[in-house]
Amino acid sequence: MSARPLSGKDLAAAIRADTAERAAELTAAGRPPKLAVVTATADESSAWYVRSIVNAASRAGIACEVVDLGPEASAATIQRSLESLSADDHVSGIILQTPLPGGAKLEDLASAIIPAKDVDGANPLSLGRLAAGLPAFAPATAEAVVRILEHHGVELAGRHAVVVGRSTVVGKPAAHLLLDRNATVTVCHSRTADLAAVASAGDIVVAAVGRAGLITAEHVKPGAVVVDVGTNPTEDGGLVGDVDSAAAERAGALTPVPGGVGPVTTALLLQHTVRAARR
């Protein structure tokens, strides 16, 4: 059996088209949406991702300002930048790009982004509202997991979903979003005993650890739906996910890397920015 590919490209294109239309309406009304991306790293993969956001924003008619503070920036400098952008009426949405310099922690600095502009759901207040089922911007990657499943008609209510990874960026918020869709959710992590036994009980497996090949055939129940969130660089400049190729032979459906969760994540960041501008 070869897994059915769950591409994110068509969904991302539909989200981008809707976002561009709404951005044009806001611009015509004199309230153009603007996204600010704060970065403080020399990491090339991060720089590539930021460039992709800038290009996608441009195509959608959304202004995008990259605030590059440099890899030596202090936590205090980053916080002041985030506070300034939060107070700027011309800025609709704010993203704090990772990785961060030594001594700077995302969970501390994200509090400087006001929830109304927290389009990637990084502020603990946003995460708390998400957990409580209240309106909030979810982390875009976590939301992309659920949106791509719904787009491809994967039933979530009553299904057992196993989320491998407990980060506040993907794992935990994805678990909450799946619970909101009435799935039964198990969250696994580095100290889960017998990961293969737990994961292989899932009807849906979300791999969100960032370790190439972590999820093998023994982690996947035959016919299960697998969402691969991993984006691990290879020596030849490519990308591979967290799911080993052998697992694709057991899964019923699988998101590709690249071309799965990634394009939907970027599209959702822009959609969130337009929603923030409209509010």
C-alpha atoms as a PDB file:
ATOM      1  CA  MET A   1       0.000   0.000   0.000  1.00  0.00           C
ATOM      2  CA  SER A   2       1.284   3.460  -0.877  1.00  0.00           C
ATOM      3  CA  ALA A   3      -0.061   6.427   1.075  1.00  0.00           C
ATOM      4  CA  ARG A   4      -2.411   8.884  -0.615  1.00  0.00           C
ATOM      5  CA  PRO A   5      -0.606  12.253  -0.736  1.00  0.00           C
ATOM      6  CA  LEU A   6      -2.295  15.049   1.207  1.00  0.00           C
ATOM      7  CA  SER A   7      -0.881  18.028  -0.645  1.00  0.00           C
ATOM      8  CA  GLY A   8      -1.285  21.472   0.858  1.00  0.00           C
ATOM      9  CA  LYS A   9      -0.781  23.393  -2.374  1.00  0.00           C
ATOM     10  CA  ASP A  10      -4.417  23.688  -3.494  1.00  0.00           C
ATOM     11  CA  LEU A  11      -5.571  24.668  -0.008  1.00  0.00           C
ATOM     12  CA  ALA A  12      -2.775  27.248   0.304  1.00  0.00           C
ATOM     13  CA  ALA A  13      -3.704  28.718  -3.098  1.00  0.00           C
ATOM     14  CA  ALA A  14      -7.341  29.067  -2.052  1.00  0.00           C
ATOM     15  CA  ILE A  15      -6.389  30.764   1.221  1.00  0.00           C
ATOM     16  CA  ARG A  16      -4.011  33.129  -0.596  1.00  0.00           C
ATOM     17  CA  ALA A  17      -6.671  34.084  -3.142  1.00  0.00           C
ATOM     18  CA  ASP A  18      -9.196  34.899  -0.421  1.00  0.00           C
ATOM     19  CA  THR A  19      -6.547  36.809   1.533  1.00  0.00           C
ATOM     20  CA  ALA A  20      -5.519  38.889  -1.491  1.00  0.00           C
ATOM     21  CA  GLU A  21      -9.153  39.841  -2.138  1.00  0.00           C
ATOM     22  CA  ARG A  22      -9.692  40.952   1.446  1.00  0.00           C
ATOM     23  CA  ALA A  23      -6.352  42.775   1.552  1.00  0.00           C
ATOM     24  CA  ALA A  24      -7.359  44.740  -1.543  1.00  0.00           C
ATOM     25  CA  GLU A  25     -10.634  45.721   0.122  1.00  0.00           C
ATOM     26  CA  LEU A  26      -8.795  47.001   3.188  1.00  0.00           C
ATOM     27  CA  THR A  27      -6.289  48.919   1.087  1.00  0.00           C
ATOM     28  CA  ALA A  28      -9.087  50.541  -0.918  1.00  0.00           C
ATOM     29  CA  ALA A  29     -10.700  51.577   2.364  1.00  0.00           C
ATOM     30  CA  GLY A  30      -7.472  53.277   3.474  1.00  0.00           C
ATOM     31  CA  ARG A  31      -6.487  50.572   5.984  1.00  0.00           C
ATOM     32  CA  PRO A  32      -3.767  48.550   4.220  1.00  0.00           C
ATOM     33  CA  PRO A  33      -2.658  45.459   6.165  1.00  0.00           C
ATOM     34  CA  LYS A  34       0.978  45.262   7.220  1.00  0.00           C
ATOM     35  CA  LEU A  35       2.984  42.391   8.678  1.00  0.00           C
ATOM     36  CA  ALA A  36       6.178  42.915  10.683  1.00  0.00           C
ATOM     37  CA  VAL A  37       8.676  40.051  11.029  1.00  0.00           C
ATOM     38  CA  VAL A  38      11.263  40.496  13.784  1.00  0.00           C
ATOM     39  CA  THR A  39      14.394  38.399  13.330  1.00  0.00           C
ATOM     40  CA  ALA A  40      17.636  38.145  15.312  1.00  0.00           C
ATOM     41  CA  THR A  41      19.538  35.242  13.808  1.00  0.00           C
ATOM     42  CA  ALA A  42      22.042  34.353  11.115  1.00  0.00           C
ATOM     43  CA  ASP A  43      20.383  30.973  10.557  1.00  0.00           C
ATOM     44  CA  GLU A  44      20.058  30.448   6.795  1.00  0.00           C
ATOM     45  CA  SER A  45      16.975  28.223   6.982  1.00  0.00           C
ATOM     46  CA  SER A  46      15.267  30.931   9.020  1.00  0.00           C
ATOM     47  CA  ALA A  47      16.318  33.555   6.472  1.00  0.00           C
ATOM     48  CA  TRP A  48      14.883  31.398   3.680  1.00  0.00           C
ATOM     49  CA  TYR A  49      11.569  31.133   5.530  1.00  0.00           C
ATOM     50  CA  VAL A  50      11.412  34.893   6.119  1.00  0.00           C
ATOM     51  CA  ARG A  51      12.072  35.525   2.427  1.00  0.00           C
ATOM     52  CA  SER A  52       9.219  33.192   1.528  1.00  0.00           C
ATOM     53  CA  ILE A  53       6.877  35.156   3.817  1.00  0.00           C
ATOM     54  CA  VAL A  54       7.969  38.464   2.266  1.00  0.00           C
ATOM     55  CA  ASN A  55       7.393  37.141  -1.259  1.00  0.00           C
ATOM     56  CA  ALA A  56       4.017  35.639  -0.384  1.00  0.00           C
ATOM     57  CA  ALA A  57       2.936  38.874   1.324  1.00  0.00           C
ATOM     58  CA  SER A  58       3.903  40.893  -1.726  1.00  0.00           C
ATOM     59  CA  ARG A  59       1.809  38.664  -4.001  1.00  0.00           C
ATOM     60  CA  ALA A  60      -1.157  39.036  -1.637  1.00  0.00           C
ATOM     61  CA  GLY A  61      -0.929  42.835  -1.523  1.00  0.00           C
ATOM     62  CA  ILE A  62       0.241  42.908   2.094  1.00  0.00           C
ATOM     63  CA  ALA A  63       3.128  45.140   3.145  1.00  0.00           C
ATOM     64  CA  CYS A  64       5.817  43.193   5.004  1.00  0.00           C
ATOM     65  CA  GLU A  65       8.576  44.794   7.052  1.00  0.00           C
ATOM     66  CA  VAL A  66      11.514  42.672   8.189  1.00  0.00           C
ATOM     67  CA  VAL A  67      13.080  44.070  11.353  1.00  0.00           C
ATOM     68  CA  ASP A  68      16.528  42.433  11.377  1.00  0.00           C
ATOM     69  CA  LEU A  69      18.126  43.053  14.764  1.00  0.00           C
ATOM     70  CA  GLY A  70      21.146  40.817  14.091  1.00  0.00           C
ATOM     71  CA  PRO A  71      22.276  37.629  15.870  1.00  0.00           C
ATOM     72  CA  GLU A  72      23.938  39.593  18.678  1.00  0.00           C
ATOM     73  CA  ALA A  73      20.740  41.371  19.728  1.00  0.00           C
ATOM     74  CA  SER A  74      19.925  41.249  23.420  1.00  0.00           C
ATOM     75  CA  ALA A  75      16.590  40.108  24.802  1.00  0.00           C
ATOM     76  CA  ALA A  76      15.933  43.689  25.914  1.00  0.00           C
ATOM     77  CA  THR A  77      16.500  44.996  22.375  1.00  0.00           C
ATOM     78  CA  ILE A  78      14.133  42.425  20.907  1.00  0.00           C
ATOM     79  CA  GLN A  79      11.497  43.209  23.525  1.00  0.00           C
ATOM     80  CA  ARG A  80      11.674  46.955  22.836  1.00  0.00           C
ATOM     81  CA  SER A  81      11.213  46.293  19.119  1.00  0.00           C
ATOM     82  CA  LEU A  82       8.159  44.111  19.742  1.00  0.00           C
ATOM     83  CA  GLU A  83       6.649  46.696  22.092  1.00  0.00           C
ATOM     84  CA  SER A  84       7.202  49.454  19.532  1.00  0.00           C
ATOM     85  CA  LEU A  85       5.551  47.446  16.772  1.00  0.00           C
ATOM     86  CA  SER A  86       2.651  46.527  19.062  1.00  0.00           C
ATOM     87  CA  ALA A  87       2.026  50.237  19.612  1.00  0.00           C
ATOM     88  CA  ASP A  88       2.312  51.121  15.903  1.00  0.00           C
ATOM     89  CA  ASP A  89      -1.156  51.639  14.418  1.00  0.00           C
ATOM     90  CA  HIS A  90       0.178  50.950  10.919  1.00  0.00           C
ATOM     91  CA  VAL A  91       1.255  47.394  11.839  1.00  0.00           C
ATOM     92  CA  SER A  92      -1.491  44.756  11.700  1.00  0.00           C
ATOM     93  CA  GLY A  93       0.428  41.619  12.630  1.00  0.00           C
ATOM     94  CA  ILE A  94       3.743  40.693  14.242  1.00  0.00           C
ATOM     95  CA  ILE A  95       5.878  37.553  14.035  1.00  0.00           C
ATOM     96  CA  LEU A  96       8.968  36.870  16.155  1.00  0.00           C
ATOM     97  CA  GLN A  97      11.111  34.528  14.087  1.00  0.00           C
ATOM     98  CA  THR A  98      13.195  31.809  15.716  1.00  0.00           C
ATOM     99  CA  PRO A  99      15.870  30.764  16.545  1.00  0.00           C
ATOM    100  CA  LEU A 100      16.746  33.547  18.954  1.00  0.00           C
ATOM    101  CA  PRO A 101      20.143  34.630  20.314  1.00  0.00           C
ATOM    102  CA  GLY A 102      21.470  33.023  23.480  1.00  0.00           C
ATOM    103  CA  GLY A 103      19.714  34.320  26.567  1.00  0.00           C
ATOM    104  CA  ALA A 104      16.550  35.245  24.653  1.00  0.00           C
ATOM    105  CA  LYS A 105      13.536  32.988  25.157  1.00  0.00           C
ATOM    106  CA  LEU A 106      10.477  32.956  22.919  1.00  0.00           C
ATOM    107  CA  GLU A 107       8.093  32.335  25.812  1.00  0.00           C
ATOM    108  CA  ASP A 108       9.352  35.487  27.560  1.00  0.00           C
ATOM    109  CA  LEU A 109       9.576  37.810  24.562  1.00  0.00           C
ATOM    110  CA  ALA A 110       6.308  36.777  22.920  1.00  0.00           C
ATOM    111  CA  SER A 111       4.439  38.444  25.777  1.00  0.00           C
ATOM    112  CA  ALA A 112       5.503  41.781  24.265  1.00  0.00           C
ATOM    113  CA  ILE A 113       3.311  41.082  21.204  1.00  0.00           C
ATOM    114  CA  ILE A 114      -0.231  42.192  21.968  1.00  0.00           C
ATOM    115  CA  PRO A 115      -2.746  39.376  21.295  1.00  0.00           C
ATOM    116  CA  ALA A 116      -4.579  41.478  18.675  1.00  0.00           C
ATOM    117  CA  LYS A 117      -1.426  41.441  16.512  1.00  0.00           C
ATOM    118  CA  ASP A 118      -0.127  38.010  17.563  1.00  0.00           C
ATOM    119  CA  VAL A 119      -0.797  36.395  14.187  1.00  0.00           C
ATOM    120  CA  ASP A 120       1.352  33.325  14.932  1.00  0.00           C
ATOM    121  CA  GLY A 121      -0.158  32.644  18.355  1.00  0.00           C
ATOM    122  CA  ALA A 122       3.097  32.979  20.294  1.00  0.00           C
ATOM    123  CA  ASN A 123       1.934  35.087  23.246  1.00  0.00           C
ATOM    124  CA  PRO A 124       1.045  32.886  26.257  1.00  0.00           C
ATOM    125  CA  LEU A 125      -2.259  34.788  26.458  1.00  0.00           C
ATOM    126  CA  SER A 126      -3.101  33.628  22.936  1.00  0.00           C
ATOM    127  CA  LEU A 127      -2.174  30.056  23.810  1.00  0.00           C
ATOM    128  CA  GLY A 128      -4.273  30.215  26.983  1.00  0.00           C
ATOM    129  CA  ARG A 129      -7.314  31.477  25.076  1.00  0.00           C
ATOM    130  CA  LEU A 130      -6.808  28.720  22.507  1.00  0.00           C
ATOM    131  CA  ALA A 131      -6.715  26.091  25.267  1.00  0.00           C
ATOM    132  CA  ALA A 132      -9.890  27.546  26.776  1.00  0.00           C
ATOM    133  CA  GLY A 133     -11.694  27.461  23.436  1.00  0.00           C
ATOM    134  CA  LEU A 134     -11.837  31.262  23.220  1.00  0.00           C
ATOM    135  CA  PRO A 135     -11.148  33.359  20.086  1.00  0.00           C
ATOM    136  CA  ALA A 136      -7.415  33.696  19.432  1.00  0.00           C
ATOM    137  CA  PHE A 137      -4.919  33.354  16.621  1.00  0.00           C
ATOM    138  CA  ALA A 138      -3.580  29.803  16.708  1.00  0.00           C
ATOM    139  CA  PRO A 139       0.054  29.136  15.803  1.00  0.00           C
ATOM    140  CA  ALA A 140      -0.115  28.918  12.013  1.00  0.00           C
ATOM    141  CA  THR A 141       1.654  25.560  11.719  1.00  0.00           C
ATOM    142  CA  ALA A 142      -0.664  23.942  14.250  1.00  0.00           C
ATOM    143  CA  GLU A 143      -3.705  25.340  12.470  1.00  0.00           C
ATOM    144  CA  ALA A 144      -2.304  24.133   9.139  1.00  0.00           C
ATOM    145  CA  VAL A 145      -2.319  20.570  10.485  1.00  0.00           C
ATOM    146  CA  VAL A 146      -6.068  20.684  11.117  1.00  0.00           C
ATOM    147  CA  ARG A 147      -6.943  22.682   8.005  1.00  0.00           C
ATOM    148  CA  ILE A 148      -5.143  20.256   5.690  1.00  0.00           C
ATOM    149  CA  LEU A 149      -6.935  17.284   7.272  1.00  0.00           C
ATOM    150  CA  GLU A 150     -10.309  18.982   6.868  1.00  0.00           C
ATOM    151  CA  HIS A 151      -9.490  20.012   3.300  1.00  0.00           C
ATOM    152  CA  HIS A 152      -8.893  16.401   2.345  1.00  0.00           C
ATOM    153  CA  GLY A 153     -12.064  15.183   4.055  1.00  0.00           C
ATOM    154  CA  VAL A 154     -10.378  13.344   6.918  1.00  0.00           C
ATOM    155  CA  GLU A 155     -12.943  12.728   9.658  1.00  0.00           C
ATOM    156  CA  LEU A 156     -11.702  14.003  13.038  1.00  0.00           C
ATOM    157  CA  ALA A 157     -14.664  13.570  15.378  1.00  0.00           C
ATOM    158  CA  GLY A 158     -14.342  10.362  17.355  1.00  0.00           C
ATOM    159  CA  ARG A 159     -10.953   9.483  15.859  1.00  0.00           C
ATOM    160  CA  HIS A 160      -7.847   8.806  17.941  1.00  0.00           C
ATOM    161  CA  ALA A 161      -5.152  11.354  17.079  1.00  0.00           C
ATOM    162  CA  VAL A 162      -1.600  10.911  18.344  1.00  0.00           C
ATOM    163  CA  VAL A 163       0.518  14.061  18.384  1.00  0.00           C
ATOM    164  CA  VAL A 164       4.246  13.348  18.607  1.00  0.00           C
ATOM    165  CA  GLY A 165       5.824  16.511  20.014  1.00  0.00           C
ATOM    166  CA  ARG A 166       4.742  18.892  22.780  1.00  0.00           C
ATOM    167  CA  SER A 167       6.131  22.266  21.693  1.00  0.00           C
ATOM    168  CA  THR A 168       4.017  25.382  22.178  1.00  0.00           C
ATOM    169  CA  VAL A 169       4.552  26.118  18.476  1.00  0.00           C
ATOM    170  CA  VAL A 170       2.965  22.952  17.086  1.00  0.00           C
ATOM    171  CA  GLY A 171       2.366  20.001  19.381  1.00  0.00           C
ATOM    172  CA  LYS A 172       0.322  21.476  22.221  1.00  0.00           C
ATOM    173  CA  PRO A 173      -1.795  23.879  20.126  1.00  0.00           C
ATOM    174  CA  ALA A 174      -2.401  21.169  17.510  1.00  0.00           C
ATOM    175  CA  ALA A 175      -3.675  18.897  20.286  1.00  0.00           C
ATOM    176  CA  HIS A 176      -6.116  21.602  21.436  1.00  0.00           C
ATOM    177  CA  LEU A 177      -7.341  22.233  17.887  1.00  0.00           C
ATOM    178  CA  LEU A 178      -7.917  18.511  17.374  1.00  0.00           C
ATOM    179  CA  LEU A 179      -9.799  18.322  20.682  1.00  0.00           C
ATOM    180  CA  ASP A 180     -11.988  21.192  19.482  1.00  0.00           C
ATOM    181  CA  ARG A 181     -12.885  18.990  16.488  1.00  0.00           C
ATOM    182  CA  ASN A 182     -13.902  16.211  18.913  1.00  0.00           C
ATOM    183  CA  ALA A 183     -10.914  13.952  18.300  1.00  0.00           C
ATOM    184  CA  THR A 184      -9.518  11.906  21.178  1.00  0.00           C
ATOM    185  CA  VAL A 185      -5.945  13.092  21.544  1.00  0.00           C
ATOM    186  CA  THR A 186      -2.764  11.554  22.947  1.00  0.00           C
ATOM    187  CA  VAL A 187       0.365  13.723  23.166  1.00  0.00           C
ATOM    188  CA  CYS A 188       3.738  11.973  23.069  1.00  0.00           C
ATOM    189  CA  HIS A 189       7.193  13.344  23.879  1.00  0.00           C
ATOM    190  CA  SER A 190      10.801  12.367  24.541  1.00  0.00           C
ATOM    191  CA  ARG A 191       9.906  10.498  27.729  1.00  0.00           C
ATOM    192  CA  THR A 192       6.975   8.548  26.344  1.00  0.00           C
ATOM    193  CA  ALA A 193       7.555   4.881  27.066  1.00  0.00           C
ATOM    194  CA  ASP A 194       7.346   2.684  23.941  1.00  0.00           C
ATOM    195  CA  LEU A 195       6.533   5.452  21.466  1.00  0.00           C
ATOM    196  CA  ALA A 196       5.903   2.954  18.683  1.00  0.00           C
ATOM    197  CA  ALA A 197       3.167   1.198  20.659  1.00  0.00           C
ATOM    198  CA  VAL A 198       1.414   4.466  21.501  1.00  0.00           C
ATOM    199  CA  ALA A 199       1.715   6.049  18.058  1.00  0.00           C
ATOM    200  CA  SER A 200       0.619   2.921  16.201  1.00  0.00           C
ATOM    201  CA  ALA A 201      -2.697   3.003  18.076  1.00  0.00           C
ATOM    202  CA  GLY A 202      -3.608   6.271  16.389  1.00  0.00           C
ATOM    203  CA  ASP A 203      -5.999   6.704  13.488  1.00  0.00           C
ATOM    204  CA  ILE A 204      -4.183   9.993  12.861  1.00  0.00           C
ATOM    205  CA  VAL A 205      -0.513  10.636  13.649  1.00  0.00           C
ATOM    206  CA  VAL A 206       0.941  14.157  13.731  1.00  0.00           C
ATOM    207  CA  ALA A 207       4.751  14.100  13.618  1.00  0.00           C
ATOM    208  CA  ALA A 208       6.064  17.397  14.983  1.00  0.00           C
ATOM    209  CA  VAL A 209       9.459  16.809  16.568  1.00  0.00           C
ATOM    210  CA  GLY A 210      11.968  18.039  14.016  1.00  0.00           C
ATOM    211  CA  ARG A 211      13.987  14.826  13.784  1.00  0.00           C
ATOM    212  CA  ALA A 212      14.392  13.239  10.380  1.00  0.00           C
ATOM    213  CA  GLY A 213      13.080   9.685  10.118  1.00  0.00           C
ATOM    214  CA  LEU A 214      11.797   9.530  13.706  1.00  0.00           C
ATOM    215  CA  ILE A 215       8.457   8.016  12.686  1.00  0.00           C
ATOM    216  CA  THR A 216       9.037   4.628  11.088  1.00  0.00           C
ATOM    217  CA  ALA A 217       6.708   1.905   9.866  1.00  0.00           C
ATOM    218  CA  GLU A 218       6.374   0.480  13.381  1.00  0.00           C
ATOM    219  CA  HIS A 219       4.901   3.797  14.568  1.00  0.00           C
ATOM    220  CA  VAL A 220       2.069   3.738  12.020  1.00  0.00           C
ATOM    221  CA  LYS A 221      -1.073   1.632  12.061  1.00  0.00           C
ATOM    222  CA  PRO A 222      -1.916   0.292   8.595  1.00  0.00           C
ATOM    223  CA  GLY A 223      -4.169   2.810   6.886  1.00  0.00           C
ATOM    224  CA  ALA A 224      -3.549   5.614   9.390  1.00  0.00           C
ATOM    225  CA  VAL A 225      -3.442   9.258   8.279  1.00  0.00           C
ATOM    226  CA  VAL A 226      -0.043  10.842   8.930  1.00  0.00           C
ATOM    227  CA  VAL A 227       0.698  14.572   9.015  1.00  0.00           C
ATOM    228  CA  ASP A 228       4.420  15.251   8.717  1.00  0.00           C
ATOM    229  CA  VAL A 229       5.279  18.679  10.163  1.00  0.00           C
ATOM    230  CA  GLY A 230       9.043  18.147  10.089  1.00  0.00           C
ATOM    231  CA  THR A 231      11.272  20.283   7.865  1.00  0.00           C
ATOM    232  CA  ASN A 232      14.769  18.926   8.292  1.00  0.00           C
ATOM    233  CA  PRO A 233      17.484  20.198   5.912  1.00  0.00           C
ATOM    234  CA  THR A 234      19.579  17.657   4.015  1.00  0.00           C
ATOM    235  CA  GLU A 235      23.203  17.946   2.939  1.00  0.00           C
ATOM    236  CA  ASP A 236      22.183  18.576  -0.672  1.00  0.00           C
ATOM    237  CA  GLY A 237      20.007  21.539   0.281  1.00  0.00           C
ATOM    238  CA  GLY A 238      16.680  19.699   0.276  1.00  0.00           C
ATOM    239  CA  LEU A 239      14.122  19.066   2.987  1.00  0.00           C
ATOM    240  CA  VAL A 240      12.866  15.875   4.593  1.00  0.00           C
ATOM    241  CA  GLY A 241      10.207  15.379   7.210  1.00  0.00           C
ATOM    242  CA  ASP A 242      10.034  13.456  10.475  1.00  0.00           C
ATOM    243  CA  VAL A 243       8.427  10.443   8.767  1.00  0.00           C
ATOM    244  CA  ASP A 244      10.609   7.683   7.332  1.00  0.00           C
ATOM    245  CA  SER A 245       9.865   6.559   3.784  1.00  0.00           C
ATOM    246  CA  ALA A 246       8.958   3.057   4.984  1.00  0.00           C
ATOM    247  CA  ALA A 247       6.091   4.509   7.031  1.00  0.00           C
ATOM    248  CA  ALA A 248       4.505   5.776   3.814  1.00  0.00           C
ATOM    249  CA  GLU A 249       3.999   2.177   2.752  1.00  0.00           C
ATOM    250  CA  ARG A 250       1.811   1.506   5.816  1.00  0.00           C
ATOM    251  CA  ALA A 251      -0.042   4.825   6.027  1.00  0.00           C
ATOM    252  CA  GLY A 252      -3.310   5.374   4.219  1.00  0.00           C
ATOM    253  CA  ALA A 253      -2.538   9.046   3.620  1.00  0.00           C
ATOM    254  CA  LEU A 254       0.500  11.263   4.219  1.00  0.00           C
ATOM    255  CA  THR A 255       1.383  14.934   3.818  1.00  0.00           C
ATOM    256  CA  PRO A 256       4.472  15.398   1.615  1.00  0.00           C
ATOM    257  CA  VAL A 257       7.597  17.340   2.602  1.00  0.00           C
ATOM    258  CA  PRO A 258       7.893  19.811   1.031  1.00  0.00           C
ATOM    259  CA  GLY A 259       4.460  20.728  -0.305  1.00  0.00           C
ATOM    260  CA  GLY A 260       2.290  19.666   2.598  1.00  0.00           C
ATOM    261  CA  VAL A 261       1.963  21.652   5.827  1.00  0.00           C
ATOM    262  CA  GLY A 262       4.520  24.328   4.832  1.00  0.00           C
ATOM    263  CA  PRO A 263       2.615  26.273   2.148  1.00  0.00           C
ATOM    264  CA  VAL A 264      -0.559  26.218   4.246  1.00  0.00           C
ATOM    265  CA  THR A 265       1.339  27.658   7.221  1.00  0.00           C
ATOM    266  CA  THR A 266       2.582  30.637   5.213  1.00  0.00           C
ATOM    267  CA  ALA A 267      -0.855  31.235   3.710  1.00  0.00           C
ATOM    268  CA  LEU A 268      -2.456  31.201   7.165  1.00  0.00           C
ATOM    269  CA  LEU A 269       0.014  33.760   8.536  1.00  0.00           C
ATOM    270  CA  LEU A 270      -1.118  36.183   5.844  1.00  0.00           C
ATOM    271  CA  GLN A 271      -4.777  35.346   6.403  1.00  0.00           C
ATOM    272  CA  HIS A 272      -4.329  36.042  10.113  1.00  0.00           C
ATOM    273  CA  THR A 273      -2.678  39.376   9.282  1.00  0.00           C
ATOM    274  CA  VAL A 274      -5.671  40.457   7.201  1.00  0.00           C
ATOM    275  CA  ARG A 275      -8.055  39.358   9.942  1.00  0.00           C
ATOM    276  CA  ALA A 276      -6.042  41.375  12.459  1.00  0.00           C
ATOM    277  CA  ALA A 277      -6.205  44.408  10.185  1.00  0.00           C
ATOM    278  CA  ARG A 278      -9.976  44.068   9.811  1.00  0.00           C
ATOM    279  CA  ARG A 279     -10.418  43.943  13.585  1.00  0.00           C
END
